[in-house]
Amino acid sequence: MDGLTCQGTICIQLLIPKLETESSKSTNYEILKGSYAESLLPSTRYLDPRGEPCKWLGAVLIDLLEQDTEESRAALKWAFPRMAQWLEPGIVDQLFAPWIEEYLELLAEQENNHNKKIP
């Protein structure tokens, strides 16, 4: 048994901790795997990422946002800049025009306030 020469209970005592450790590692992995899978299920249950990858990704992102955990925030911080890099500037202009206009107005206001302070 595993290269051990054992007699009676001594062999059993040596193998039990090893088996418990192996099963707890497997169990921890299965729990992690299961909890990740469960976190994707609520919104993605009816969306097939192979057929509708954009809708699926949108649902996953909403789920991550609603989870509001350290892990979900880290995932969103990783995902958003990568997605933004792939968008065409014209699409950004169309989809986020109100945000862009508000941002530019705030910049102009800040510039005006800064210029007023300088004599």
PDB file of N, CA and C in Angstrom:
ATOM      1  N   MET A   1       0.837  -1.181   0.000  1.00  0.00           N
ATOM      2  CA  MET A   1       0.000   0.000   0.000  1.00  0.00           C
ATOM      3  C   MET A   1       0.875   1.234   0.000  1.00  0.00           C
ATOM      4  N   ASP A   2       0.931   1.938  -1.133  1.00  0.00           N
ATOM      5  CA  ASP A   2       1.718   3.150  -1.271  1.00  0.00           C
ATOM      6  C   ASP A   2       3.175   2.955  -0.879  1.00  0.00           C
ATOM      7  N   GLY A   3       3.728   1.760  -1.036  1.00  0.00           N
ATOM      8  CA  GLY A   3       5.124   1.515  -0.703  1.00  0.00           C
ATOM      9  C   GLY A   3       5.375   1.380   0.783  1.00  0.00           C
ATOM     10  N   LEU A   4       4.343   1.310   1.584  1.00  0.00           N
ATOM     11  CA  LEU A   4       4.509   1.161   3.028  1.00  0.00           C
ATOM     12  C   LEU A   4       4.349  -0.293   3.396  1.00  0.00           C
ATOM     13  N   THR A   5       5.159  -0.741   4.300  1.00  0.00           N
ATOM     14  CA  THR A   5       4.942  -2.064   4.875  1.00  0.00           C
ATOM     15  C   THR A   5       4.265  -1.818   6.201  1.00  0.00           C
ATOM     16  N   CYS A   6       3.071  -2.288   6.316  1.00  0.00           N
ATOM     17  CA  CYS A   6       2.257  -1.975   7.483  1.00  0.00           C
ATOM     18  C   CYS A   6       1.754  -3.253   8.135  1.00  0.00           C
ATOM     19  N   GLN A   7       1.457  -3.119   9.403  1.00  0.00           N
ATOM     20  CA  GLN A   7       0.823  -4.217  10.112  1.00  0.00           C
ATOM     21  C   GLN A   7      -0.334  -3.650  10.914  1.00  0.00           C
ATOM     22  N   GLY A   8      -1.484  -4.165  10.693  1.00  0.00           N
ATOM     23  CA  GLY A   8      -2.654  -3.814  11.493  1.00  0.00           C
ATOM     24  C   GLY A   8      -3.008  -2.349  11.450  1.00  0.00           C
ATOM     25  N   THR A   9      -3.230  -1.753  12.631  1.00  0.00           N
ATOM     26  CA  THR A   9      -3.736  -0.397  12.741  1.00  0.00           C
ATOM     27  C   THR A   9      -2.702   0.664  12.410  1.00  0.00           C
ATOM     28  N   ILE A  10      -1.419   0.336  12.471  1.00  0.00           N
ATOM     29  CA  ILE A  10      -0.393   1.335  12.162  1.00  0.00           C
ATOM     30  C   ILE A  10      -0.550   1.805  10.720  1.00  0.00           C
ATOM     31  N   CYS A  11      -0.780   0.922   9.792  1.00  0.00           N
ATOM     32  CA  CYS A  11      -0.960   1.269   8.391  1.00  0.00           C
ATOM     33  C   CYS A  11      -2.215   2.127   8.224  1.00  0.00           C
ATOM     34  N   ILE A  12      -3.270   1.760   8.865  1.00  0.00           N
ATOM     35  CA  ILE A  12      -4.519   2.519   8.765  1.00  0.00           C
ATOM     36  C   ILE A  12      -4.323   3.932   9.301  1.00  0.00           C
ATOM     37  N   GLN A  13      -3.630   4.097  10.396  1.00  0.00           N
ATOM     38  CA  GLN A  13      -3.406   5.409  10.977  1.00  0.00           C
ATOM     39  C   GLN A  13      -2.575   6.285  10.045  1.00  0.00           C
ATOM     40  N   LEU A  14      -1.636   5.709   9.318  1.00  0.00           N
ATOM     41  CA  LEU A  14      -0.813   6.481   8.402  1.00  0.00           C
ATOM     42  C   LEU A  14      -1.589   6.886   7.150  1.00  0.00           C
ATOM     43  N   LEU A  15      -2.504   6.075   6.701  1.00  0.00           N
ATOM     44  CA  LEU A  15      -3.239   6.351   5.469  1.00  0.00           C
ATOM     45  C   LEU A  15      -4.429   7.291   5.679  1.00  0.00           C
ATOM     46  N   ILE A  16      -5.044   7.286   6.840  1.00  0.00           N
ATOM     47  CA  ILE A  16      -6.232   8.111   7.056  1.00  0.00           C
ATOM     48  C   ILE A  16      -5.944   9.595   6.846  1.00  0.00           C
ATOM     49  N   PRO A  17      -4.879  10.178   7.451  1.00  0.00           N
ATOM     50  CA  PRO A  17      -4.638  11.597   7.205  1.00  0.00           C
ATOM     51  C   PRO A  17      -4.412  11.907   5.723  1.00  0.00           C
ATOM     52  N   LYS A  18      -3.714  11.014   5.018  1.00  0.00           N
ATOM     53  CA  LYS A  18      -3.474  11.249   3.604  1.00  0.00           C
ATOM     54  C   LYS A  18      -4.788  11.241   2.827  1.00  0.00           C
ATOM     55  N   LEU A  19      -5.644  10.297   3.096  1.00  0.00           N
ATOM     56  CA  LEU A  19      -6.924  10.220   2.404  1.00  0.00           C
ATOM     57  C   LEU A  19      -7.799  11.414   2.747  1.00  0.00           C
ATOM     58  N   GLU A  20      -7.801  11.847   4.000  1.00  0.00           N
ATOM     59  CA  GLU A  20      -8.598  12.999   4.399  1.00  0.00           C
ATOM     60  C   GLU A  20      -8.099  14.252   3.688  1.00  0.00           C
ATOM     61  N   THR A  21      -6.779  14.401   3.599  1.00  0.00           N
ATOM     62  CA  THR A  21      -6.211  15.566   2.920  1.00  0.00           C
ATOM     63  C   THR A  21      -6.576  15.557   1.452  1.00  0.00           C
ATOM     64  N   GLU A  22      -6.430  14.409   0.796  1.00  0.00           N
ATOM     65  CA  GLU A  22      -6.764  14.317  -0.621  1.00  0.00           C
ATOM     66  C   GLU A  22      -8.239  14.590  -0.853  1.00  0.00           C
ATOM     67  N   SER A  23      -9.111  14.035  -0.007  1.00  0.00           N
ATOM     68  CA  SER A  23     -10.535  14.243  -0.223  1.00  0.00           C
ATOM     69  C   SER A  23     -10.932  15.677   0.089  1.00  0.00           C
ATOM     70  N   SER A  24     -10.278  16.322   1.082  1.00  0.00           N
ATOM     71  CA  SER A  24     -10.630  17.704   1.378  1.00  0.00           C
ATOM     72  C   SER A  24     -10.168  18.623   0.254  1.00  0.00           C
ATOM     73  N   LYS A  25      -9.002  18.321  -0.367  1.00  0.00           N
ATOM     74  CA  LYS A  25      -8.572  19.114  -1.516  1.00  0.00           C
ATOM     75  C   LYS A  25      -9.571  18.973  -2.643  1.00  0.00           C
ATOM     76  N   SER A  26      -9.986  17.761  -2.912  1.00  0.00           N
ATOM     77  CA  SER A  26     -10.949  17.518  -3.965  1.00  0.00           C
ATOM     78  C   SER A  26     -12.266  18.200  -3.638  1.00  0.00           C
ATOM     79  N   THR A  27     -12.700  18.093  -2.391  1.00  0.00           N
ATOM     80  CA  THR A  27     -13.952  18.702  -1.975  1.00  0.00           C
ATOM     81  C   THR A  27     -13.872  20.219  -2.102  1.00  0.00           C
ATOM     82  N   ASN A  28     -12.744  20.821  -1.656  1.00  0.00           N
ATOM     83  CA  ASN A  28     -12.586  22.266  -1.778  1.00  0.00           C
ATOM     84  C   ASN A  28     -12.648  22.704  -3.231  1.00  0.00           C
ATOM     85  N   TYR A  29     -12.004  21.943  -4.110  1.00  0.00           N
ATOM     86  CA  TYR A  29     -12.040  22.269  -5.522  1.00  0.00           C
ATOM     87  C   TYR A  29     -13.462  22.167  -6.061  1.00  0.00           C
ATOM     88  N   GLU A  30     -14.145  21.098  -5.686  1.00  0.00           N
ATOM     89  CA  GLU A  30     -15.522  20.919  -6.153  1.00  0.00           C
ATOM     90  C   GLU A  30     -16.424  22.032  -5.631  1.00  0.00           C
ATOM     91  N   ILE A  31     -16.210  22.462  -4.380  1.00  0.00           N
ATOM     92  CA  ILE A  31     -17.012  23.553  -3.820  1.00  0.00           C
ATOM     93  C   ILE A  31     -16.723  24.835  -4.591  1.00  0.00           C
ATOM     94  N   LEU A  32     -15.438  25.131  -4.816  1.00  0.00           N
ATOM     95  CA  LEU A  32     -15.079  26.319  -5.585  1.00  0.00           C
ATOM     96  C   LEU A  32     -15.674  26.270  -6.978  1.00  0.00           C
ATOM     97  N   LYS A  33     -15.501  25.134  -7.625  1.00  0.00           N
ATOM     98  CA  LYS A  33     -16.016  24.960  -8.969  1.00  0.00           C
ATOM     99  C   LYS A  33     -17.533  25.106  -8.975  1.00  0.00           C
ATOM    100  N   GLY A  34     -18.182  24.514  -7.996  1.00  0.00           N
ATOM    101  CA  GLY A  34     -19.633  24.587  -7.897  1.00  0.00           C
ATOM    102  C   GLY A  34     -20.129  25.988  -7.607  1.00  0.00           C
ATOM    103  N   SER A  35     -19.464  26.707  -6.695  1.00  0.00           N
ATOM    104  CA  SER A  35     -19.919  28.051  -6.361  1.00  0.00           C
ATOM    105  C   SER A  35     -19.720  28.997  -7.540  1.00  0.00           C
ATOM    106  N   TYR A  36     -18.629  28.824  -8.305  1.00  0.00           N
ATOM    107  CA  TYR A  36     -18.420  29.654  -9.485  1.00  0.00           C
ATOM    108  C   TYR A  36     -19.508  29.362 -10.511  1.00  0.00           C
ATOM    109  N   ALA A  37     -19.767  28.092 -10.723  1.00  0.00           N
ATOM    110  CA  ALA A  37     -20.802  27.717 -11.689  1.00  0.00           C
ATOM    111  C   ALA A  37     -22.155  28.251 -11.250  1.00  0.00           C
ATOM    112  N   GLU A  38     -22.458  28.141  -9.953  1.00  0.00           N
ATOM    113  CA  GLU A  38     -23.726  28.645  -9.454  1.00  0.00           C
ATOM    114  C   GLU A  38     -23.822  30.156  -9.615  1.00  0.00           C
ATOM    115  N   SER A  39     -22.698  30.859  -9.475  1.00  0.00           N
ATOM    116  CA  SER A  39     -22.734  32.309  -9.607  1.00  0.00           C
ATOM    117  C   SER A  39     -23.056  32.720 -11.038  1.00  0.00           C
ATOM    118  N   LEU A  40     -22.801  31.849 -11.992  1.00  0.00           N
ATOM    119  CA  LEU A  40     -23.111  32.165 -13.380  1.00  0.00           C
ATOM    120  C   LEU A  40     -24.523  31.755 -13.775  1.00  0.00           C
ATOM    121  N   LEU A  41     -25.155  30.925 -13.000  1.00  0.00           N
ATOM    122  CA  LEU A  41     -26.431  30.367 -13.410  1.00  0.00           C
ATOM    123  C   LEU A  41     -27.630  31.302 -13.411  1.00  0.00           C
ATOM    124  N   PRO A  42     -27.845  32.165 -12.441  1.00  0.00           N
ATOM    125  CA  PRO A  42     -29.110  32.882 -12.410  1.00  0.00           C
ATOM    126  C   PRO A  42     -29.489  33.563 -13.713  1.00  0.00           C
ATOM    127  N   SER A  43     -28.607  34.342 -14.312  1.00  0.00           N
ATOM    128  CA  SER A  43     -28.955  35.047 -15.538  1.00  0.00           C
ATOM    129  C   SER A  43     -28.578  34.286 -16.802  1.00  0.00           C
ATOM    130  N   THR A  44     -27.671  33.346 -16.669  1.00  0.00           N
ATOM    131  CA  THR A  44     -27.162  32.688 -17.871  1.00  0.00           C
ATOM    132  C   THR A  44     -27.808  31.338 -18.123  1.00  0.00           C
ATOM    133  N   ARG A  45     -28.717  30.948 -17.275  1.00  0.00           N
ATOM    134  CA  ARG A  45     -29.326  29.629 -17.390  1.00  0.00           C
ATOM    135  C   ARG A  45     -29.926  29.401 -18.776  1.00  0.00           C
ATOM    136  N   TYR A  46     -30.538  30.421 -19.380  1.00  0.00           N
ATOM    137  CA  TYR A  46     -31.225  30.241 -20.650  1.00  0.00           C
ATOM    138  C   TYR A  46     -30.443  30.801 -21.830  1.00  0.00           C
ATOM    139  N   LEU A  47     -29.253  31.288 -21.584  1.00  0.00           N
ATOM    140  CA  LEU A  47     -28.437  31.834 -22.659  1.00  0.00           C
ATOM    141  C   LEU A  47     -27.291  30.875 -22.966  1.00  0.00           C
ATOM    142  N   ASP A  48     -27.145  30.567 -24.235  1.00  0.00           N
ATOM    143  CA  ASP A  48     -26.059  29.699 -24.668  1.00  0.00           C
ATOM    144  C   ASP A  48     -24.903  30.574 -25.128  1.00  0.00           C
ATOM    145  N   PRO A  49     -23.766  30.541 -24.423  1.00  0.00           N
ATOM    146  CA  PRO A  49     -22.651  31.407 -24.815  1.00  0.00           C
ATOM    147  C   PRO A  49     -22.108  31.085 -26.205  1.00  0.00           C
ATOM    148  N   ARG A  50     -22.384  29.901 -26.691  1.00  0.00           N
ATOM    149  CA  ARG A  50     -21.921  29.561 -28.044  1.00  0.00           C
ATOM    150  C   ARG A  50     -22.792  30.224 -29.096  1.00  0.00           C
ATOM    151  N   GLY A  51     -24.082  30.351 -28.831  1.00  0.00           N
ATOM    152  CA  GLY A  51     -24.999  30.944 -29.802  1.00  0.00           C
ATOM    153  C   GLY A  51     -25.187  32.436 -29.622  1.00  0.00           C
ATOM    154  N   GLU A  52     -25.143  32.895 -28.368  1.00  0.00           N
ATOM    155  CA  GLU A  52     -25.349  34.312 -28.074  1.00  0.00           C
ATOM    156  C   GLU A  52     -24.287  34.811 -27.085  1.00  0.00           C
ATOM    157  N   PRO A  53     -23.035  34.850 -27.522  1.00  0.00           N
ATOM    158  CA  PRO A  53     -21.964  35.195 -26.583  1.00  0.00           C
ATOM    159  C   PRO A  53     -22.096  36.597 -25.989  1.00  0.00           C
ATOM    160  N   CYS A  54     -22.572  37.555 -26.762  1.00  0.00           N
ATOM    161  CA  CYS A  54     -22.681  38.922 -26.244  1.00  0.00           C
ATOM    162  C   CYS A  54     -23.767  39.024 -25.167  1.00  0.00           C
ATOM    163  N   LYS A  55     -24.905  38.403 -25.416  1.00  0.00           N
ATOM    164  CA  LYS A  55     -25.980  38.415 -24.410  1.00  0.00           C
ATOM    165  C   LYS A  55     -25.536  37.659 -23.159  1.00  0.00           C
ATOM    166  N   TRP A  56     -24.861  36.541 -23.364  1.00  0.00           N
ATOM    167  CA  TRP A  56     -24.372  35.758 -22.229  1.00  0.00           C
ATOM    168  C   TRP A  56     -23.398  36.578 -21.396  1.00  0.00           C
ATOM    169  N   LEU A  57     -22.448  37.244 -22.061  1.00  0.00           N
ATOM    170  CA  LEU A  57     -21.470  38.051 -21.343  1.00  0.00           C
ATOM    171  C   LEU A  57     -22.158  39.186 -20.592  1.00  0.00           C
ATOM    172  N   GLY A  58     -23.135  39.806 -21.216  1.00  0.00           N
ATOM    173  CA  GLY A  58     -23.887  40.863 -20.537  1.00  0.00           C
ATOM    174  C   GLY A  58     -24.547  40.350 -19.274  1.00  0.00           C
ATOM    175  N   ALA A  59     -25.139  39.178 -19.346  1.00  0.00           N
ATOM    176  CA  ALA A  59     -25.798  38.589 -18.173  1.00  0.00           C
ATOM    177  C   ALA A  59     -24.782  38.245 -17.088  1.00  0.00           C
ATOM    178  N   VAL A  60     -23.629  37.720 -17.477  1.00  0.00           N
ATOM    179  CA  VAL A  60     -22.581  37.392 -16.505  1.00  0.00           C
ATOM    180  C   VAL A  60     -22.085  38.661 -15.819  1.00  0.00           C
ATOM    181  N   LEU A  61     -21.894  39.722 -16.592  1.00  0.00           N
ATOM    182  CA  LEU A  61     -21.422  40.983 -16.006  1.00  0.00           C
ATOM    183  C   LEU A  61     -22.440  41.559 -15.024  1.00  0.00           C
ATOM    184  N   ILE A  62     -23.708  41.487 -15.370  1.00  0.00           N
ATOM    185  CA  ILE A  62     -24.760  41.954 -14.453  1.00  0.00           C
ATOM    186  C   ILE A  62     -24.739  41.117 -13.177  1.00  0.00           C
ATOM    187  N   ASP A  63     -24.609  39.819 -13.318  1.00  0.00           N
ATOM    188  CA  ASP A  63     -24.540  38.942 -12.136  1.00  0.00           C
ATOM    189  C   ASP A  63     -23.355  39.305 -11.255  1.00  0.00           C
ATOM    190  N   LEU A  64     -22.194  39.525 -11.871  1.00  0.00           N
ATOM    191  CA  LEU A  64     -21.010  39.897 -11.091  1.00  0.00           C
ATOM    192  C   LEU A  64     -21.233  41.214 -10.358  1.00  0.00           C
ATOM    193  N   LEU A  65     -21.868  42.153 -11.025  1.00  0.00           N
ATOM    194  CA  LEU A  65     -22.165  43.442 -10.405  1.00  0.00           C
ATOM    195  C   LEU A  65     -23.103  43.271  -9.218  1.00  0.00           C
ATOM    196  N   GLU A  66     -24.122  42.457  -9.378  1.00  0.00           N
ATOM    197  CA  GLU A  66     -25.108  42.251  -8.314  1.00  0.00           C
ATOM    198  C   GLU A  66     -24.555  41.435  -7.149  1.00  0.00           C
ATOM    199  N   GLN A  67     -23.556  40.591  -7.418  1.00  0.00           N
ATOM    200  CA  GLN A  67     -22.957  39.804  -6.333  1.00  0.00           C
ATOM    201  C   GLN A  67     -22.253  40.711  -5.334  1.00  0.00           C
ATOM    202  N   ASP A  68     -21.617  41.759  -5.810  1.00  0.00           N
ATOM    203  CA  ASP A  68     -20.943  42.756  -4.977  1.00  0.00           C
ATOM    204  C   ASP A  68     -20.026  42.121  -3.938  1.00  0.00           C
ATOM    205  N   THR A  69     -19.155  41.233  -4.410  1.00  0.00           N
ATOM    206  CA  THR A  69     -18.148  40.624  -3.548  1.00  0.00           C
ATOM    207  C   THR A  69     -16.779  41.111  -4.009  1.00  0.00           C
ATOM    208  N   GLU A  70     -15.775  40.866  -3.205  1.00  0.00           N
ATOM    209  CA  GLU A  70     -14.416  41.252  -3.585  1.00  0.00           C
ATOM    210  C   GLU A  70     -14.010  40.565  -4.885  1.00  0.00           C
ATOM    211  N   GLU A  71     -14.361  39.288  -5.018  1.00  0.00           N
ATOM    212  CA  GLU A  71     -14.004  38.535  -6.219  1.00  0.00           C
ATOM    213  C   GLU A  71     -14.747  39.057  -7.447  1.00  0.00           C
ATOM    214  N   SER A  72     -16.032  39.386  -7.282  1.00  0.00           N
ATOM    215  CA  SER A  72     -16.800  39.861  -8.432  1.00  0.00           C
ATOM    216  C   SER A  72     -16.315  41.245  -8.870  1.00  0.00           C
ATOM    217  N   ARG A  73     -15.966  42.106  -7.897  1.00  0.00           N
ATOM    218  CA  ARG A  73     -15.425  43.424  -8.252  1.00  0.00           C
ATOM    219  C   ARG A  73     -14.095  43.283  -8.978  1.00  0.00           C
ATOM    220  N   ALA A  74     -13.254  42.370  -8.534  1.00  0.00           N
ATOM    221  CA  ALA A  74     -11.966  42.133  -9.199  1.00  0.00           C
ATOM    222  C   ALA A  74     -12.191  41.629 -10.625  1.00  0.00           C
ATOM    223  N   ALA A  75     -13.145  40.762 -10.812  1.00  0.00           N
ATOM    224  CA  ALA A  75     -13.446  40.238 -12.154  1.00  0.00           C
ATOM    225  C   ALA A  75     -13.928  41.363 -13.070  1.00  0.00           C
ATOM    226  N   LEU A  76     -14.771  42.251 -12.539  1.00  0.00           N
ATOM    227  CA  LEU A  76     -15.265  43.364 -13.344  1.00  0.00           C
ATOM    228  C   LEU A  76     -14.144  44.348 -13.680  1.00  0.00           C
ATOM    229  N   LYS A  77     -13.282  44.602 -12.705  1.00  0.00           N
ATOM    230  CA  LYS A  77     -12.154  45.507 -12.957  1.00  0.00           C
ATOM    231  C   LYS A  77     -11.229  44.932 -14.027  1.00  0.00           C
ATOM    232  N   TRP A  78     -11.148  43.636 -14.094  1.00  0.00           N
ATOM    233  CA  TRP A  78     -10.336  42.988 -15.113  1.00  0.00           C
ATOM    234  C   TRP A  78     -11.044  43.039 -16.469  1.00  0.00           C
ATOM    235  N   ALA A  79     -12.350  42.799 -16.484  1.00  0.00           N
ATOM    236  CA  ALA A  79     -13.091  42.644 -17.737  1.00  0.00           C
ATOM    237  C   ALA A  79     -13.368  43.966 -18.453  1.00  0.00           C
ATOM    238  N   PHE A  80     -13.773  44.992 -17.721  1.00  0.00           N
ATOM    239  CA  PHE A  80     -14.206  46.229 -18.377  1.00  0.00           C
ATOM    240  C   PHE A  80     -13.141  46.880 -19.260  1.00  0.00           C
ATOM    241  N   PRO A  81     -11.928  47.089 -18.775  1.00  0.00           N
ATOM    242  CA  PRO A  81     -10.931  47.712 -19.664  1.00  0.00           C
ATOM    243  C   PRO A  81     -10.634  46.869 -20.895  1.00  0.00           C
ATOM    244  N   ARG A  82     -10.652  45.567 -20.760  1.00  0.00           N
ATOM    245  CA  ARG A  82     -10.380  44.701 -21.909  1.00  0.00           C
ATOM    246  C   ARG A  82     -11.485  44.809 -22.953  1.00  0.00           C
ATOM    247  N   MET A  83     -12.717  44.884 -22.505  1.00  0.00           N
ATOM    248  CA  MET A  83     -13.821  45.033 -23.459  1.00  0.00           C
ATOM    249  C   MET A  83     -13.770  46.402 -24.128  1.00  0.00           C
ATOM    250  N   ALA A  84     -13.463  47.451 -23.356  1.00  0.00           N
ATOM    251  CA  ALA A  84     -13.409  48.803 -23.907  1.00  0.00           C
ATOM    252  C   ALA A  84     -12.337  48.913 -24.987  1.00  0.00           C
ATOM    253  N   GLN A  85     -11.241  48.187 -24.838  1.00  0.00           N
ATOM    254  CA  GLN A  85     -10.159  48.222 -25.826  1.00  0.00           C
ATOM    255  C   GLN A  85     -10.618  47.722 -27.198  1.00  0.00           C
ATOM    256  N   TRP A  86     -11.630  46.865 -27.222  1.00  0.00           N
ATOM    257  CA  TRP A  86     -12.068  46.243 -28.465  1.00  0.00           C
ATOM    258  C   TRP A  86     -13.185  47.014 -29.164  1.00  0.00           C
ATOM    259  N   LEU A  87     -13.754  48.013 -28.496  1.00  0.00           N
ATOM    260  CA  LEU A  87     -14.840  48.775 -29.103  1.00  0.00           C
ATOM    261  C   LEU A  87     -14.303  49.811 -30.077  1.00  0.00           C
ATOM    262  N   GLU A  88     -14.999  49.981 -31.175  1.00  0.00           N
ATOM    263  CA  GLU A  88     -14.652  51.023 -32.135  1.00  0.00           C
ATOM    264  C   GLU A  88     -15.021  52.373 -31.529  1.00  0.00           C
ATOM    265  N   PRO A  89     -14.213  53.406 -31.743  1.00  0.00           N
ATOM    266  CA  PRO A  89     -14.521  54.721 -31.183  1.00  0.00           C
ATOM    267  C   PRO A  89     -15.916  55.230 -31.556  1.00  0.00           C
ATOM    268  N   GLY A  90     -16.366  54.969 -32.771  1.00  0.00           N
ATOM    269  CA  GLY A  90     -17.708  55.408 -33.191  1.00  0.00           C
ATOM    270  C   GLY A  90     -18.808  54.766 -32.364  1.00  0.00           C
ATOM    271  N   ILE A  91     -18.612  53.515 -31.999  1.00  0.00           N
ATOM    272  CA  ILE A  91     -19.597  52.815 -31.165  1.00  0.00           C
ATOM    273  C   ILE A  91     -19.619  53.429 -29.777  1.00  0.00           C
ATOM    274  N   VAL A  92     -18.443  53.740 -29.249  1.00  0.00           N
ATOM    275  CA  VAL A  92     -18.356  54.383 -27.935  1.00  0.00           C
ATOM    276  C   VAL A  92     -19.082  55.724 -27.988  1.00  0.00           C
ATOM    277  N   ASP A  93     -18.829  56.496 -29.053  1.00  0.00           N
ATOM    278  CA  ASP A  93     -19.492  57.793 -29.204  1.00  0.00           C
ATOM    279  C   ASP A  93     -21.013  57.647 -29.223  1.00  0.00           C
ATOM    280  N   GLN A  94     -21.513  56.637 -29.919  1.00  0.00           N
ATOM    281  CA  GLN A  94     -22.961  56.431 -30.021  1.00  0.00           C
ATOM    282  C   GLN A  94     -23.562  55.950 -28.707  1.00  0.00           C
ATOM    283  N   LEU A  95     -22.954  54.934 -28.129  1.00  0.00           N
ATOM    284  CA  LEU A  95     -23.538  54.316 -26.935  1.00  0.00           C
ATOM    285  C   LEU A  95     -23.406  55.181 -25.690  1.00  0.00           C
ATOM    286  N   PHE A  96     -22.325  55.912 -25.590  1.00  0.00           N
ATOM    287  CA  PHE A  96     -22.036  56.630 -24.352  1.00  0.00           C
ATOM    288  C   PHE A  96     -22.006  58.141 -24.539  1.00  0.00           C
ATOM    289  N   ALA A  97     -22.715  58.655 -25.537  1.00  0.00           N
ATOM    290  CA  ALA A  97     -22.743  60.088 -25.809  1.00  0.00           C
ATOM    291  C   ALA A  97     -23.134  60.908 -24.579  1.00  0.00           C
ATOM    292  N   PRO A  98     -24.174  60.536 -23.829  1.00  0.00           N
ATOM    293  CA  PRO A  98     -24.515  61.341 -22.642  1.00  0.00           C
ATOM    294  C   PRO A  98     -23.385  61.387 -21.613  1.00  0.00           C
ATOM    295  N   TRP A  99     -22.705  60.286 -21.412  1.00  0.00           N
ATOM    296  CA  TRP A  99     -21.593  60.249 -20.466  1.00  0.00           C
ATOM    297  C   TRP A  99     -20.450  61.129 -20.959  1.00  0.00           C
ATOM    298  N   ILE A 100     -20.172  61.039 -22.258  1.00  0.00           N
ATOM    299  CA  ILE A 100     -19.082  61.812 -22.835  1.00  0.00           C
ATOM    300  C   ILE A 100     -19.382  63.303 -22.720  1.00  0.00           C
ATOM    301  N   GLU A 101     -20.615  63.703 -23.057  1.00  0.00           N
ATOM    302  CA  GLU A 101     -21.003  65.114 -22.975  1.00  0.00           C
ATOM    303  C   GLU A 101     -20.894  65.627 -21.542  1.00  0.00           C
ATOM    304  N   GLU A 102     -21.385  64.846 -20.593  1.00  0.00           N
ATOM    305  CA  GLU A 102     -21.303  65.261 -19.190  1.00  0.00           C
ATOM    306  C   GLU A 102     -19.840  65.380 -18.740  1.00  0.00           C
ATOM    307  N   TYR A 103     -19.027  64.449 -19.142  1.00  0.00           N
ATOM    308  CA  TYR A 103     -17.612  64.473 -18.793  1.00  0.00           C
ATOM    309  C   TYR A 103     -16.935  65.713 -19.363  1.00  0.00           C
ATOM    310  N   LEU A 104     -17.203  66.004 -20.641  1.00  0.00           N
ATOM    311  CA  LEU A 104     -16.598  67.178 -21.280  1.00  0.00           C
ATOM    312  C   LEU A 104     -17.076  68.469 -20.627  1.00  0.00           C
ATOM    313  N   GLU A 105     -18.352  68.516 -20.227  1.00  0.00           N
ATOM    314  CA  GLU A 105     -18.876  69.695 -19.526  1.00  0.00           C
ATOM    315  C   GLU A 105     -18.173  69.875 -18.184  1.00  0.00           C
ATOM    316  N   LEU A 106     -17.971  68.788 -17.465  1.00  0.00           N
ATOM    317  CA  LEU A 106     -17.268  68.869 -16.178  1.00  0.00           C
ATOM    318  C   LEU A 106     -15.828  69.327 -16.358  1.00  0.00           C
ATOM    319  N   LEU A 107     -15.177  68.833 -17.409  1.00  0.00           N
ATOM    320  CA  LEU A 107     -13.801  69.266 -17.692  1.00  0.00           C
ATOM    321  C   LEU A 107     -13.748  70.759 -18.002  1.00  0.00           C
ATOM    322  N   ALA A 108     -14.702  71.226 -18.826  1.00  0.00           N
ATOM    323  CA  ALA A 108     -14.738  72.646 -19.177  1.00  0.00           C
ATOM    324  C   ALA A 108     -15.000  73.499 -17.944  1.00  0.00           C
ATOM    325  N   GLU A 109     -15.917  73.062 -17.108  1.00  0.00           N
ATOM    326  CA  GLU A 109     -16.219  73.780 -15.870  1.00  0.00           C
ATOM    327  C   GLU A 109     -14.999  73.835 -14.964  1.00  0.00           C
ATOM    328  N   GLN A 110     -14.309  72.731 -14.844  1.00  0.00           N
ATOM    329  CA  GLN A 110     -13.101  72.682 -14.017  1.00  0.00           C
ATOM    330  C   GLN A 110     -12.031  73.606 -14.585  1.00  0.00           C
ATOM    331  N   GLU A 111     -11.886  73.624 -15.887  1.00  0.00           N
ATOM    332  CA  GLU A 111     -10.909  74.499 -16.537  1.00  0.00           C
ATOM    333  C   GLU A 111     -11.266  75.962 -16.293  1.00  0.00           C
ATOM    334  N   ASN A 112     -12.546  76.297 -16.400  1.00  0.00           N
ATOM    335  CA  ASN A 112     -12.992  77.672 -16.144  1.00  0.00           C
ATOM    336  C   ASN A 112     -12.712  78.073 -14.706  1.00  0.00           C
ATOM    337  N   ASN A 113     -13.011  77.203 -13.773  1.00  0.00           N
ATOM    338  CA  ASN A 113     -12.752  77.498 -12.350  1.00  0.00           C
ATOM    339  C   ASN A 113     -11.265  77.668 -12.102  1.00  0.00           C
ATOM    340  N   HIS A 114     -10.473  76.855 -12.756  1.00  0.00           N
ATOM    341  CA  HIS A 114      -9.015  76.945 -12.585  1.00  0.00           C
ATOM    342  C   HIS A 114      -8.495  78.272 -13.143  1.00  0.00           C
ATOM    343  N   ASN A 115      -9.020  78.682 -14.310  1.00  0.00           N
ATOM    344  CA  ASN A 115      -8.593  79.937 -14.940  1.00  0.00           C
ATOM    345  C   ASN A 115      -9.015  81.141 -14.125  1.00  0.00           C
ATOM    346  N   LYS A 116     -10.172  81.078 -13.453  1.00  0.00           N
ATOM    347  CA  LYS A 116     -10.653  82.186 -12.620  1.00  0.00           C
ATOM    348  C   LYS A 116      -9.762  82.380 -11.411  1.00  0.00           C
ATOM    349  N   LYS A 117      -9.186  81.323 -10.903  1.00  0.00           N
ATOM    350  CA  LYS A 117      -8.336  81.404  -9.714  1.00  0.00           C
ATOM    351  C   LYS A 117      -6.964  81.982 -10.033  1.00  0.00           C
ATOM    352  N   ILE A 118      -6.509  81.847 -11.250  1.00  0.00           N
ATOM    353  CA  ILE A 118      -5.192  82.345 -11.642  1.00  0.00           C
ATOM    354  C   ILE A 118      -5.360  83.814 -12.043  1.00  0.00           C
ATOM    355  N   PRO A 119      -4.623  84.742 -11.340  1.00  0.00           N
ATOM    356  CA  PRO A 119      -4.765  86.173 -11.674  1.00  0.00           C
ATOM    357  C   PRO A 119      -4.052  86.529 -12.969  1.00  0.00           C
TER     358      PRO A 119
END
